[in-house]
C-alpha atoms as a PDB file:
ATOM      1  CA  MET A   1      64.907 102.166 108.637  1.00  0.00           C
ATOM      2  CA  ARG A   2      67.322 104.570 106.918  1.00  0.00           C
ATOM      3  CA  ALA A   3      70.795 104.667 108.521  1.00  0.00           C
ATOM      4  CA  ALA A   4      74.570 105.500 107.543  1.00  0.00           C
ATOM      5  CA  VAL A   5      76.570 103.366 109.123  1.00  0.00           C
ATOM      6  CA  TYR A   6      80.065 103.240 109.809  1.00  0.00           C
ATOM      7  CA  ARG A   7      82.675 100.865 107.971  1.00  0.00           C
ATOM      8  CA  ARG A   8      85.843 101.527 108.574  1.00  0.00           C
ATOM      9  CA  LYS A   9      88.139 104.611 107.525  1.00  0.00           C
ATOM     10  CA  GLY A  10      86.490 106.556 105.155  1.00  0.00           C
ATOM     11  CA  GLN A  11      84.024 103.721 104.853  1.00  0.00           C
ATOM     12  CA  LEU A  12      79.851 104.676 105.308  1.00  0.00           C
ATOM     13  CA  GLU A  13      77.252 102.223 104.271  1.00  0.00           C
ATOM     14  CA  VAL A  14      73.751 103.662 103.756  1.00  0.00           C
ATOM     15  CA  LEU A  15      71.792 100.044 105.063  1.00  0.00           C
ATOM     16  CA  ASP A  16      68.379  99.330 106.262  1.00  0.00           C
ATOM     17  CA  VAL A  17      69.228  98.391 109.767  1.00  0.00           C
ATOM     18  CA  PRO A  18      66.499  97.707 112.451  1.00  0.00           C
ATOM     19  CA  VAL A  19      64.899 100.187 114.511  1.00  0.00           C
ATOM     20  CA  PRO A  20      66.888 100.363 117.857  1.00  0.00           C
ATOM     21  CA  ASP A  21      65.082  98.744 120.557  1.00  0.00           C
ATOM     22  CA  MET A  22      63.402 100.611 123.663  1.00  0.00           C
ATOM     23  CA  GLY A  23      63.653 100.766 127.256  1.00  0.00           C
ATOM     24  CA  PRO A  24      60.671 101.652 129.773  1.00  0.00           C
ATOM     25  CA  ALA A  25      62.157 105.188 129.998  1.00  0.00           C
ATOM     26  CA  ASP A  26      62.963 105.995 126.706  1.00  0.00           C
ATOM     27  CA  VAL A  27      61.239 107.238 123.559  1.00  0.00           C
ATOM     28  CA  MET A  28      61.833 106.630 119.736  1.00  0.00           C
ATOM     29  CA  VAL A  29      62.593 110.127 117.726  1.00  0.00           C
ATOM     30  CA  LYS A  30      61.399 110.471 113.993  1.00  0.00           C
ATOM     31  CA  VAL A  31      65.177 112.693 112.957  1.00  0.00           C
ATOM     32  CA  ASP A  32      64.098 115.586 111.498  1.00  0.00           C
ATOM     33  CA  TYR A  33      67.859 117.106 110.700  1.00  0.00           C
ATOM     34  CA  CYS A  34      71.538 116.437 112.136  1.00  0.00           C
ATOM     35  CA  GLY A  35      73.947 117.925 112.037  1.00  0.00           C
ATOM     36  CA  VAL A  36      77.226 117.205 111.117  1.00  0.00           C
ATOM     37  CA  CYS A  37      80.065 117.930 113.651  1.00  0.00           C
ATOM     38  CA  GLY A  38      84.058 118.026 113.615  1.00  0.00           C
ATOM     39  CA  THR A  39      83.542 114.666 115.602  1.00  0.00           C
ATOM     40  CA  ASP A  40      82.392 112.740 113.036  1.00  0.00           C
ATOM     41  CA  LEU A  41      84.968 113.635 110.934  1.00  0.00           C
ATOM     42  CA  HIS A  42      86.889 112.385 113.284  1.00  0.00           C
ATOM     43  CA  MET A  43      85.158 108.920 114.209  1.00  0.00           C
ATOM     44  CA  MET A  44      84.926 108.299 110.337  1.00  0.00           C
ATOM     45  CA  LEU A  45      87.445 109.734 108.171  1.00  0.00           C
ATOM     46  CA  ASP A  46      90.043 109.919 110.429  1.00  0.00           C
ATOM     47  CA  GLY A  47      89.392 106.287 111.752  1.00  0.00           C
ATOM     48  CA  TRP A  48      88.551 106.640 115.358  1.00  0.00           C
ATOM     49  CA  GLY A  49      85.496 105.256 114.793  1.00  0.00           C
ATOM     50  CA  GLU A  50      84.237 101.875 116.023  1.00  0.00           C
ATOM     51  CA  PRO A  51      82.936  99.773 113.573  1.00  0.00           C
ATOM     52  CA  ASP A  52      79.422  99.196 112.422  1.00  0.00           C
ATOM     53  CA  MET A  53      78.046 101.685 114.748  1.00  0.00           C
ATOM     54  CA  VAL A  54      76.217 104.944 113.615  1.00  0.00           C
ATOM     55  CA  TYR A  55      77.294 108.730 114.801  1.00  0.00           C
ATOM     56  CA  GLY A  56      75.406 111.844 114.978  1.00  0.00           C
ATOM     57  CA  HIS A  57      74.600 113.613 118.037  1.00  0.00           C
ATOM     58  CA  GLU A  58      73.527 116.732 117.008  1.00  0.00           C
ATOM     59  CA  TRP A  59      69.677 116.467 115.860  1.00  0.00           C
ATOM     60  CA  SER A  60      65.932 117.344 115.392  1.00  0.00           C
ATOM     61  CA  GLY A  61      63.185 115.362 115.610  1.00  0.00           C
ATOM     62  CA  ARG A  62      59.557 113.947 116.677  1.00  0.00           C
ATOM     63  CA  VAL A  63      58.516 111.577 119.520  1.00  0.00           C
ATOM     64  CA  VAL A  64      56.771 109.119 117.608  1.00  0.00           C
ATOM     65  CA  GLN A  65      56.779 106.455 120.134  1.00  0.00           C
ATOM     66  CA  LYS A  66      56.830 106.271 124.200  1.00  0.00           C
ATOM     67  CA  GLY A  67      57.897 103.814 127.123  1.00  0.00           C
ATOM     68  CA  PRO A  68      55.916 103.010 129.512  1.00  0.00           C
ATOM     69  CA  ASP A  69      57.598 105.434 131.678  1.00  0.00           C
ATOM     70  CA  ALA A  70      58.626 108.319 129.781  1.00  0.00           C
ATOM     71  CA  ARG A  71      57.072 111.326 131.177  1.00  0.00           C
ATOM     72  CA  ILE A  72      56.798 113.231 127.074  1.00  0.00           C
ATOM     73  CA  ASP A  73      54.273 114.074 124.998  1.00  0.00           C
ATOM     74  CA  THR A  74      54.026 111.926 121.904  1.00  0.00           C
ATOM     75  CA  GLY A  75      54.316 114.696 118.758  1.00  0.00           C
ATOM     76  CA  ALA A  76      56.902 116.512 120.764  1.00  0.00           C
ATOM     77  CA  THR A  77      59.570 117.745 118.775  1.00  0.00           C
ATOM     78  CA  VAL A  78      62.808 118.127 120.797  1.00  0.00           C
ATOM     79  CA  VAL A  79      66.610 117.971 120.566  1.00  0.00           C
ATOM     80  CA  GLY A  80      68.380 115.869 123.106  1.00  0.00           C
ATOM     81  CA  ARG A  81      71.203 115.025 124.634  1.00  0.00           C
ATOM     82  CA  SER A  82      73.442 111.617 124.258  1.00  0.00           C
ATOM     83  CA  TRP A  83      73.860 111.547 128.224  1.00  0.00           C
ATOM     84  CA  VAL A  84      73.246 113.275 131.531  1.00  0.00           C
ATOM     85  CA  GLU A  85      75.248 113.652 134.311  1.00  0.00           C
ATOM     86  CA  CYS A  86      75.031 112.056 137.019  1.00  0.00           C
ATOM     87  CA  GLY A  87      74.098 115.395 139.063  1.00  0.00           C
ATOM     88  CA  GLN A  88      76.065 113.211 142.190  1.00  0.00           C
ATOM     89  CA  CYS A  89      79.889 113.529 141.919  1.00  0.00           C
ATOM     90  CA  LYS A  90      81.793 116.359 142.978  1.00  0.00           C
ATOM     91  CA  PRO A  91      82.122 117.738 139.167  1.00  0.00           C
ATOM     92  CA  CYS A  92      78.681 118.107 139.043  1.00  0.00           C
ATOM     93  CA  ALA A  93      78.020 119.702 142.308  1.00  0.00           C
ATOM     94  CA  ALA A  94      80.730 122.268 141.111  1.00  0.00           C
ATOM     95  CA  GLY A  95      78.735 122.645 137.804  1.00  0.00           C
ATOM     96  CA  ARG A  96      80.762 121.511 135.407  1.00  0.00           C
ATOM     97  CA  PRO A  97      78.572 118.400 133.819  1.00  0.00           C
ATOM     98  CA  GLY A  98      80.370 117.512 130.910  1.00  0.00           C
ATOM     99  CA  LEU A  99      83.756 116.422 133.811  1.00  0.00           C
ATOM    100  CA  CYS A 100      80.487 114.335 135.299  1.00  0.00           C
ATOM    101  CA  GLU A 101      82.567 111.073 136.526  1.00  0.00           C
ATOM    102  CA  ARG A 102      80.584 108.500 134.814  1.00  0.00           C
ATOM    103  CA  ARG A 103      80.167 110.378 131.265  1.00  0.00           C
ATOM    104  CA  PRO A 104      81.500 107.511 128.329  1.00  0.00           C
ATOM    105  CA  ARG A 105      84.305 108.482 126.340  1.00  0.00           C
ATOM    106  CA  ALA A 106      84.341 111.377 123.677  1.00  0.00           C
ATOM    107  CA  GLY A 107      82.921 110.140 120.493  1.00  0.00           C
ATOM    108  CA  GLU A 108      81.245 106.519 122.469  1.00  0.00           C
ATOM    109  CA  ASP A 109      77.514 107.864 122.566  1.00  0.00           C
ATOM    110  CA  SER A 110      75.341 106.446 125.523  1.00  0.00           C
ATOM    111  CA  GLN A 111      72.017 106.576 122.516  1.00  0.00           C
ATOM    112  CA  SER A 112      71.087 105.327 118.328  1.00  0.00           C
ATOM    113  CA  GLY A 113      73.241 108.301 116.571  1.00  0.00           C
ATOM    114  CA  ALA A 114      71.154 109.888 114.518  1.00  0.00           C
ATOM    115  CA  PHE A 115      72.103 109.295 110.830  1.00  0.00           C
ATOM    116  CA  ALA A 116      69.238 107.203 110.673  1.00  0.00           C
ATOM    117  CA  ALA A 117      65.211 107.878 109.806  1.00  0.00           C
ATOM    118  CA  TYR A 118      64.906 106.931 113.987  1.00  0.00           C
ATOM    119  CA  LEU A 119      66.296 106.957 117.085  1.00  0.00           C
ATOM    120  CA  THR A 120      65.479 106.121 120.861  1.00  0.00           C
ATOM    121  CA  ILE A 121      66.381 107.653 123.938  1.00  0.00           C
ATOM    122  CA  ASP A 122      65.772 107.973 127.209  1.00  0.00           C
ATOM    123  CA  HIS A 123      63.107 110.731 127.732  1.00  0.00           C
ATOM    124  CA  ARG A 124      64.980 112.626 130.903  1.00  0.00           C
ATOM    125  CA  ASN A 125      67.912 113.927 127.859  1.00  0.00           C
ATOM    126  CA  LEU A 126      65.112 115.507 125.664  1.00  0.00           C
ATOM    127  CA  LEU A 127      64.004 119.185 125.575  1.00  0.00           C
ATOM    128  CA  ASP A 128      60.618 120.156 124.069  1.00  0.00           C
ATOM    129  CA  VAL A 129      61.342 123.294 121.212  1.00  0.00           C
ATOM    130  CA  PRO A 130      59.724 126.015 121.825  1.00  0.00           C
ATOM    131  CA  CYS A 131      56.835 127.757 119.875  1.00  0.00           C
ATOM    132  CA  GLY A 132      58.269 129.280 116.718  1.00  0.00           C
ATOM    133  CA  VAL A 133      61.594 127.650 116.159  1.00  0.00           C
ATOM    134  CA  SER A 134      61.440 125.256 113.144  1.00  0.00           C
ATOM    135  CA  ALA A 135      63.135 121.742 113.251  1.00  0.00           C
ATOM    136  CA  ARG A 136      66.235 122.804 111.233  1.00  0.00           C
ATOM    137  CA  ASP A 137      67.049 125.584 113.897  1.00  0.00           C
ATOM    138  CA  ALA A 138      65.915 123.687 116.245  1.00  0.00           C
ATOM    139  CA  ALA A 139      68.947 121.406 114.763  1.00  0.00           C
ATOM    140  CA  TYR A 140      72.207 124.235 115.902  1.00  0.00           C
ATOM    141  CA  THR A 141      70.772 123.083 119.702  1.00  0.00           C
ATOM    142  CA  GLU A 142      73.918 121.276 120.741  1.00  0.00           C
ATOM    143  CA  PRO A 143      76.542 123.083 118.375  1.00  0.00           C
ATOM    144  CA  LEU A 144      75.298 126.225 120.059  1.00  0.00           C
ATOM    145  CA  ALA A 145      75.140 124.974 123.649  1.00  0.00           C
ATOM    146  CA  VAL A 146      78.771 123.955 122.841  1.00  0.00           C
ATOM    147  CA  ALA A 147      80.723 126.757 122.395  1.00  0.00           C
ATOM    148  CA  MET A 148      78.280 129.104 124.372  1.00  0.00           C
ATOM    149  CA  HIS A 149      79.888 126.329 126.790  1.00  0.00           C
ATOM    150  CA  ALA A 150      83.850 127.710 125.452  1.00  0.00           C
ATOM    151  CA  VAL A 151      82.549 131.230 126.305  1.00  0.00           C
ATOM    152  CA  THR A 152      81.856 130.660 129.674  1.00  0.00           C
ATOM    153  CA  VAL A 153      84.502 128.736 130.189  1.00  0.00           C
ATOM    154  CA  GLY A 154      86.770 131.478 128.753  1.00  0.00           C
ATOM    155  CA  SER A 155      85.303 134.127 131.249  1.00  0.00           C
ATOM    156  CA  VAL A 156      85.038 136.124 128.716  1.00  0.00           C
ATOM    157  CA  GLU A 157      83.737 140.240 129.517  1.00  0.00           C
ATOM    158  CA  ALA A 158      82.218 142.922 128.145  1.00  0.00           C
ATOM    159  CA  GLY A 159      84.663 145.433 125.977  1.00  0.00           C
ATOM    160  CA  ARG A 160      87.295 142.999 125.672  1.00  0.00           C
ATOM    161  CA  ARG A 161      88.343 141.842 122.342  1.00  0.00           C
ATOM    162  CA  ALA A 162      89.122 138.173 120.837  1.00  0.00           C
ATOM    163  CA  MET A 163      90.454 136.596 118.497  1.00  0.00           C
ATOM    164  CA  VAL A 164      89.516 133.395 116.785  1.00  0.00           C
ATOM    165  CA  PHE A 165      91.522 130.283 114.851  1.00  0.00           C
ATOM    166  CA  GLY A 166      89.122 128.655 112.434  1.00  0.00           C
ATOM    167  CA  CYS A 167      86.280 129.007 111.204  1.00  0.00           C
ATOM    168  CA  GLY A 168      84.247 126.117 110.719  1.00  0.00           C
ATOM    169  CA  PRO A 169      80.831 125.368 112.255  1.00  0.00           C
ATOM    170  CA  ILE A 170      82.399 125.252 115.151  1.00  0.00           C
ATOM    171  CA  GLY A 171      84.387 128.075 115.400  1.00  0.00           C
ATOM    172  CA  ALA A 172      82.063 130.112 113.681  1.00  0.00           C
ATOM    173  CA  ALA A 173      79.096 129.269 116.819  1.00  0.00           C
ATOM    174  CA  VAL A 174      81.563 131.187 118.782  1.00  0.00           C
ATOM    175  CA  VAL A 175      82.492 134.046 116.418  1.00  0.00           C
ATOM    176  CA  ALA A 176      78.413 134.345 116.746  1.00  0.00           C
ATOM    177  CA  VAL A 177      77.981 133.926 120.382  1.00  0.00           C
ATOM    178  CA  LEU A 178      80.968 135.909 121.209  1.00  0.00           C
ATOM    179  CA  GLY A 179      78.691 138.571 118.640  1.00  0.00           C
ATOM    180  CA  THR A 180      75.967 138.610 121.137  1.00  0.00           C
ATOM    181  CA  ARG A 181      77.977 139.642 124.343  1.00  0.00           C
ATOM    182  CA  GLY A 182      79.504 142.558 122.610  1.00  0.00           C
ATOM    183  CA  ILE A 183      82.707 141.750 122.169  1.00  0.00           C
ATOM    184  CA  ASP A 184      85.583 142.649 119.008  1.00  0.00           C
ATOM    185  CA  VAL A 185      86.350 139.635 117.254  1.00  0.00           C
ATOM    186  CA  THR A 186      89.402 138.668 114.904  1.00  0.00           C
ATOM    187  CA  VAL A 187      88.951 135.713 112.753  1.00  0.00           C
ATOM    188  CA  ILE A 188      92.812 134.087 112.055  1.00  0.00           C
ATOM    189  CA  GLU A 189      91.336 131.481 108.806  1.00  0.00           C
ATOM    190  CA  PRO A 190      92.725 130.220 105.470  1.00  0.00           C
ATOM    191  CA  HIS A 191      90.063 129.486 103.454  1.00  0.00           C
ATOM    192  CA  GLU A 192      88.454 132.389 102.261  1.00  0.00           C
ATOM    193  CA  LEU A 193      84.138 130.283 102.105  1.00  0.00           C
ATOM    194  CA  ARG A 194      85.055 130.773 105.902  1.00  0.00           C
ATOM    195  CA  ARG A 195      86.995 133.843 105.522  1.00  0.00           C
ATOM    196  CA  ASP A 196      83.292 135.148 103.751  1.00  0.00           C
ATOM    197  CA  LEU A 197      81.382 133.651 106.713  1.00  0.00           C
ATOM    198  CA  ALA A 198      82.859 135.486 109.321  1.00  0.00           C
ATOM    199  CA  ARG A 199      82.794 138.822 107.476  1.00  0.00           C
ATOM    200  CA  ARG A 200      79.168 138.362 107.578  1.00  0.00           C
ATOM    201  CA  LEU A 201      79.047 137.165 110.976  1.00  0.00           C
ATOM    202  CA  GLY A 202      80.452 141.074 111.415  1.00  0.00           C
ATOM    203  CA  ALA A 203      84.263 140.054 112.602  1.00  0.00           C
ATOM    204  CA  VAL A 204      87.277 140.987 111.243  1.00  0.00           C
ATOM    205  CA  VAL A 205      89.337 138.713 109.021  1.00  0.00           C
ATOM    206  CA  ALA A 206      92.895 137.842 108.766  1.00  0.00           C
ATOM    207  CA  SER A 207      95.504 135.115 107.454  1.00  0.00           C
ATOM    208  CA  PRO A 208      97.518 133.182 109.746  1.00  0.00           C
ATOM    209  CA  GLU A 209     100.554 134.721 107.890  1.00  0.00           C
ATOM    210  CA  ASP A 210      99.567 138.917 108.255  1.00  0.00           C
ATOM    211  CA  LEU A 211      99.855 138.059 112.333  1.00  0.00           C
ATOM    212  CA  GLU A 212     102.749 139.534 114.312  1.00  0.00           C
ATOM    213  CA  VAL A 213     104.529 136.369 116.217  1.00  0.00           C
ATOM    214  CA  PRO A 214     107.206 137.859 118.657  1.00  0.00           C
ATOM    215  CA  GLY A 215     110.741 136.225 118.608  1.00  0.00           C
ATOM    216  CA  HIS A 216     111.520 136.195 122.701  1.00  0.00           C
ATOM    217  CA  PRO A 217     108.741 134.833 124.917  1.00  0.00           C
ATOM    218  CA  GLY A 218     108.190 137.481 126.519  1.00  0.00           C
ATOM    219  CA  GLU A 219     107.138 139.744 123.921  1.00  0.00           C
ATOM    220  CA  VAL A 220     103.384 139.995 122.910  1.00  0.00           C
ATOM    221  CA  PRO A 221     101.501 141.602 119.711  1.00  0.00           C
ATOM    222  CA  ALA A 222     100.750 145.466 119.781  1.00  0.00           C
ATOM    223  CA  ASP A 223      97.726 144.351 118.634  1.00  0.00           C
ATOM    224  CA  ALA A 224      97.859 141.268 121.674  1.00  0.00           C
ATOM    225  CA  VAL A 225      93.663 140.283 122.527  1.00  0.00           C
ATOM    226  CA  ASN A 226      92.461 139.227 126.276  1.00  0.00           C
ATOM    227  CA  TYR A 227      91.483 136.254 124.390  1.00  0.00           C
ATOM    228  CA  VAL A 228      92.356 133.298 121.746  1.00  0.00           C
ATOM    229  CA  PHE A 229      89.877 130.368 120.633  1.00  0.00           C
ATOM    230  CA  GLU A 230      91.366 127.513 119.300  1.00  0.00           C
ATOM    231  CA  THR A 231      88.282 125.482 117.228  1.00  0.00           C
ATOM    232  CA  SER A 232      90.418 124.658 114.116  1.00  0.00           C
ATOM    233  CA  GLY A 233      92.685 121.794 115.884  1.00  0.00           C
ATOM    234  CA  ALA A 234      95.732 122.624 114.274  1.00  0.00           C
ATOM    235  CA  ARG A 235      99.156 122.335 115.688  1.00  0.00           C
ATOM    236  CA  SER A 236     100.226 125.465 114.064  1.00  0.00           C
ATOM    237  CA  ALA A 237      96.580 126.891 114.928  1.00  0.00           C
ATOM    238  CA  VAL A 238      97.505 125.646 118.683  1.00  0.00           C
ATOM    239  CA  GLU A 239     100.480 127.453 118.853  1.00  0.00           C
ATOM    240  CA  THR A 240     100.834 130.974 117.500  1.00  0.00           C
ATOM    241  CA  GLY A 241      97.191 131.642 118.759  1.00  0.00           C
ATOM    242  CA  LEU A 242     100.093 131.515 121.653  1.00  0.00           C
ATOM    243  CA  THR A 243     101.438 134.138 121.078  1.00  0.00           C
ATOM    244  CA  GLN A 244      99.121 137.034 120.529  1.00  0.00           C
ATOM    245  CA  LEU A 245      97.882 137.403 123.933  1.00  0.00           C
ATOM    246  CA  THR A 246      98.453 140.076 125.896  1.00  0.00           C
ATOM    247  CA  GLY A 247      99.343 139.690 129.424  1.00  0.00           C
ATOM    248  CA  GLY A 248      97.377 137.611 131.635  1.00  0.00           C
ATOM    249  CA  ALA A 249      95.614 137.006 129.100  1.00  0.00           C
ATOM    250  CA  THR A 250      93.216 133.437 128.367  1.00  0.00           C
ATOM    251  CA  MET A 251      94.040 130.526 125.501  1.00  0.00           C
ATOM    252  CA  VAL A 252      90.571 128.163 125.329  1.00  0.00           C
ATOM    253  CA  LEU A 253      90.982 124.814 123.208  1.00  0.00           C
ATOM    254  CA  VAL A 254      87.769 124.448 121.484  1.00  0.00           C
ATOM    255  CA  GLY A 255      89.184 122.187 118.153  1.00  0.00           C
ATOM    256  CA  THR A 256      90.800 118.519 118.498  1.00  0.00           C
ATOM    257  CA  GLY A 257      92.570 116.929 116.215  1.00  0.00           C
ATOM    258  CA  MET A 258      96.139 114.124 116.308  1.00  0.00           C
ATOM    259  CA  ASN A 259      98.738 116.359 115.506  1.00  0.00           C
ATOM    260  CA  PHE A 260      99.703 117.612 118.995  1.00  0.00           C
ATOM    261  CA  PRO A 261     101.266 120.993 119.796  1.00  0.00           C
ATOM    262  CA  ARG A 262     104.438 122.022 120.846  1.00  0.00           C
ATOM    263  CA  LEU A 263     103.184 124.193 124.380  1.00  0.00           C
ATOM    264  CA  ASP A 264     106.290 127.641 125.095  1.00  0.00           C
ATOM    265  CA  THR A 265     105.974 127.468 128.797  1.00  0.00           C
ATOM    266  CA  ASN A 266     108.098 129.930 129.031  1.00  0.00           C
ATOM    267  CA  ARG A 267     105.977 132.251 127.452  1.00  0.00           C
ATOM    268  CA  VAL A 268     103.028 131.046 129.828  1.00  0.00           C
ATOM    269  CA  ILE A 269     105.114 132.041 133.135  1.00  0.00           C
ATOM    270  CA  LEU A 270     105.957 134.945 131.379  1.00  0.00           C
ATOM    271  CA  ASN A 271     102.736 136.737 130.827  1.00  0.00           C
ATOM    272  CA  GLU A 272     101.247 134.357 133.226  1.00  0.00           C
ATOM    273  CA  LEU A 273      98.455 133.224 130.366  1.00  0.00           C
ATOM    274  CA  PHE A 274      95.406 130.703 130.966  1.00  0.00           C
ATOM    275  CA  VAL A 275      95.798 128.065 128.642  1.00  0.00           C
ATOM    276  CA  THR A 276      92.593 125.549 128.945  1.00  0.00           C
ATOM    277  CA  GLY A 277      90.604 123.254 127.270  1.00  0.00           C
ATOM    278  CA  ALA A 278      86.011 123.357 126.743  1.00  0.00           C
ATOM    279  CA  PHE A 279      83.855 120.043 126.496  1.00  0.00           C
ATOM    280  CA  ASP A 280      80.584 120.052 126.065  1.00  0.00           C
ATOM    281  CA  TYR A 281      78.064 121.996 127.641  1.00  0.00           C
ATOM    282  CA  ASP A 282      77.526 124.494 130.696  1.00  0.00           C
ATOM    283  CA  THR A 283      74.494 123.743 133.323  1.00  0.00           C
ATOM    284  CA  ASP A 284      71.627 124.666 131.311  1.00  0.00           C
ATOM    285  CA  GLY A 285      73.450 124.411 128.200  1.00  0.00           C
ATOM    286  CA  PHE A 286      70.819 123.347 125.698  1.00  0.00           C
ATOM    287  CA  ALA A 287      68.315 125.381 127.676  1.00  0.00           C
ATOM    288  CA  ALA A 288      69.662 128.476 127.191  1.00  0.00           C
ATOM    289  CA  ALA A 289      71.229 127.280 123.745  1.00  0.00           C
ATOM    290  CA  LEU A 290      67.914 126.815 122.848  1.00  0.00           C
ATOM    291  CA  GLU A 291      66.702 130.165 124.517  1.00  0.00           C
ATOM    292  CA  LEU A 292      69.000 132.046 122.408  1.00  0.00           C
ATOM    293  CA  ILE A 293      67.999 130.284 118.650  1.00  0.00           C
ATOM    294  CA  ALA A 294      64.551 132.062 120.264  1.00  0.00           C
ATOM    295  CA  SER A 295      65.385 134.411 120.523  1.00  0.00           C
ATOM    296  CA  LYS A 296      66.183 135.923 116.553  1.00  0.00           C
ATOM    297  CA  VAL A 297      69.569 137.352 117.261  1.00  0.00           C
ATOM    298  CA  LEU A 298      71.673 134.746 115.619  1.00  0.00           C
ATOM    299  CA  PRO A 299      72.439 135.219 112.005  1.00  0.00           C
ATOM    300  CA  LEU A 300      71.185 131.428 111.533  1.00  0.00           C
ATOM    301  CA  ASP A 301      70.594 132.260 107.186  1.00  0.00           C
ATOM    302  CA  VAL A 302      74.221 132.653 107.559  1.00  0.00           C
ATOM    303  CA  LEU A 303      75.603 129.489 110.066  1.00  0.00           C
ATOM    304  CA  LEU A 304      73.633 126.634 108.630  1.00  0.00           C
ATOM    305  CA  GLU A 305      74.320 125.902 105.060  1.00  0.00           C
ATOM    306  CA  PRO A 306      71.349 125.826 103.080  1.00  0.00           C
ATOM    307  CA  GLU A 307      70.351 122.754 101.041  1.00  0.00           C
ATOM    308  CA  SER A 308      70.333 120.017 103.969  1.00  0.00           C
ATOM    309  CA  VAL A 309      71.951 116.261 101.889  1.00  0.00           C
ATOM    310  CA  THR A 310      70.673 113.312 102.416  1.00  0.00           C
ATOM    311  CA  LEU A 311      72.041 110.259 103.966  1.00  0.00           C
ATOM    312  CA  ASP A 312      73.999 109.273 100.569  1.00  0.00           C
ATOM    313  CA  GLY A 313      75.524 112.561 100.494  1.00  0.00           C
ATOM    314  CA  LEU A 314      76.731 112.506 104.317  1.00  0.00           C
ATOM    315  CA  MET A 315      80.213 111.116 103.291  1.00  0.00           C
ATOM    316  CA  ASP A 316      80.836 113.611 100.743  1.00  0.00           C
ATOM    317  CA  ALA A 317      79.587 116.360 102.876  1.00  0.00           C
ATOM    318  CA  MET A 318      82.142 115.632 105.345  1.00  0.00           C
ATOM    319  CA  ARG A 319      84.547 115.614 102.776  1.00  0.00           C
ATOM    320  CA  ARG A 320      83.619 119.437 101.722  1.00  0.00           C
ATOM    321  CA  LEU A 321      83.794 120.437 105.208  1.00  0.00           C
ATOM    322  CA  ARG A 322      88.032 119.087 106.201  1.00  0.00           C
ATOM    323  CA  SER A 323      88.578 120.729 102.554  1.00  0.00           C
ATOM    324  CA  GLY A 324      87.062 124.033 103.526  1.00  0.00           C
ATOM    325  CA  ALA A 325      85.201 123.273 100.401  1.00  0.00           C
ATOM    326  CA  ALA A 326      82.268 123.775 103.407  1.00  0.00           C
ATOM    327  CA  ALA A 327      81.365 126.599 105.711  1.00  0.00           C
ATOM    328  CA  GLY A 328      78.388 126.558 107.462  1.00  0.00           C
ATOM    329  CA  LYS A 329      76.900 123.712 109.352  1.00  0.00           C
ATOM    330  CA  VAL A 330      75.299 121.457 107.270  1.00  0.00           C
ATOM    331  CA  LEU A 331      72.645 118.817 108.075  1.00  0.00           C
ATOM    332  CA  VAL A 332      71.442 116.264 107.445  1.00  0.00           C
ATOM    333  CA  CYS A 333      68.282 115.332 106.682  1.00  0.00           C
ATOM    334  CA  PRO A 334      67.842 111.125 107.203  1.00  0.00           C
END
């Protein structure tokens, strides 16, 4: 089968490789679409990845073969998680599966990657795609579940105001989810394509230089917000985002990056701010995301790039995402 194999920082090769082995509880899925995630950029453009790995975890596809212990129908259109929580440790018992003590390290999925024609996966990690939802739309399930979890972690209440830093694929998903909750959203984004995407999602748009940044840590801007979602991973965005919160407000860190910010602890203390991270999904994250997609409430025509790319175009697509030359979620059609 054809697959995009990571070699080293900034280098992929599209090769013919063996179809991954199946265990008795596994199924083989023919991949229809796989989204390009910010984690994929870190793995392949920034060199976080392991050589000779096949990445890709935001996928949809069709079951073409199953092991004797797999309980799912051949021919079913499915989405899947790369791992499933143990359900027994303290975080799992507390309803926080993303903190499961047995979770793999970020970027080290237990399954074969979906930047390939086929993948194998444990049947327990799969969900059937509802009738009426296309495989293309279903590929948005994983990033949507991430965005929904970020909103859950932020304990967002209707009628409040939020600011989202960055309107790349995950930022746009957060904006869309907040819109379904009746939240007034302002997006801070320097790239014009993504600013336009934010407007089409119904957000007010501003540039970083438009923001009032108080000089004293005990002061807040006149238009301070209740929630800040930082999705870009940029140091300046984290540091500025903290200054935009009203007293007792919450910042949710969703984007990852290597240029770590400095935390103004004086501002956190004087304004009694809550700063937290969001990783992975709610307990019912995939099912809830599929339900939201099936509801037709989300403007998927805005959130998804109109044209999918082939495996041969994957590296160029990642570079366009990194530069801001692509705004929505890029889907790869292996």
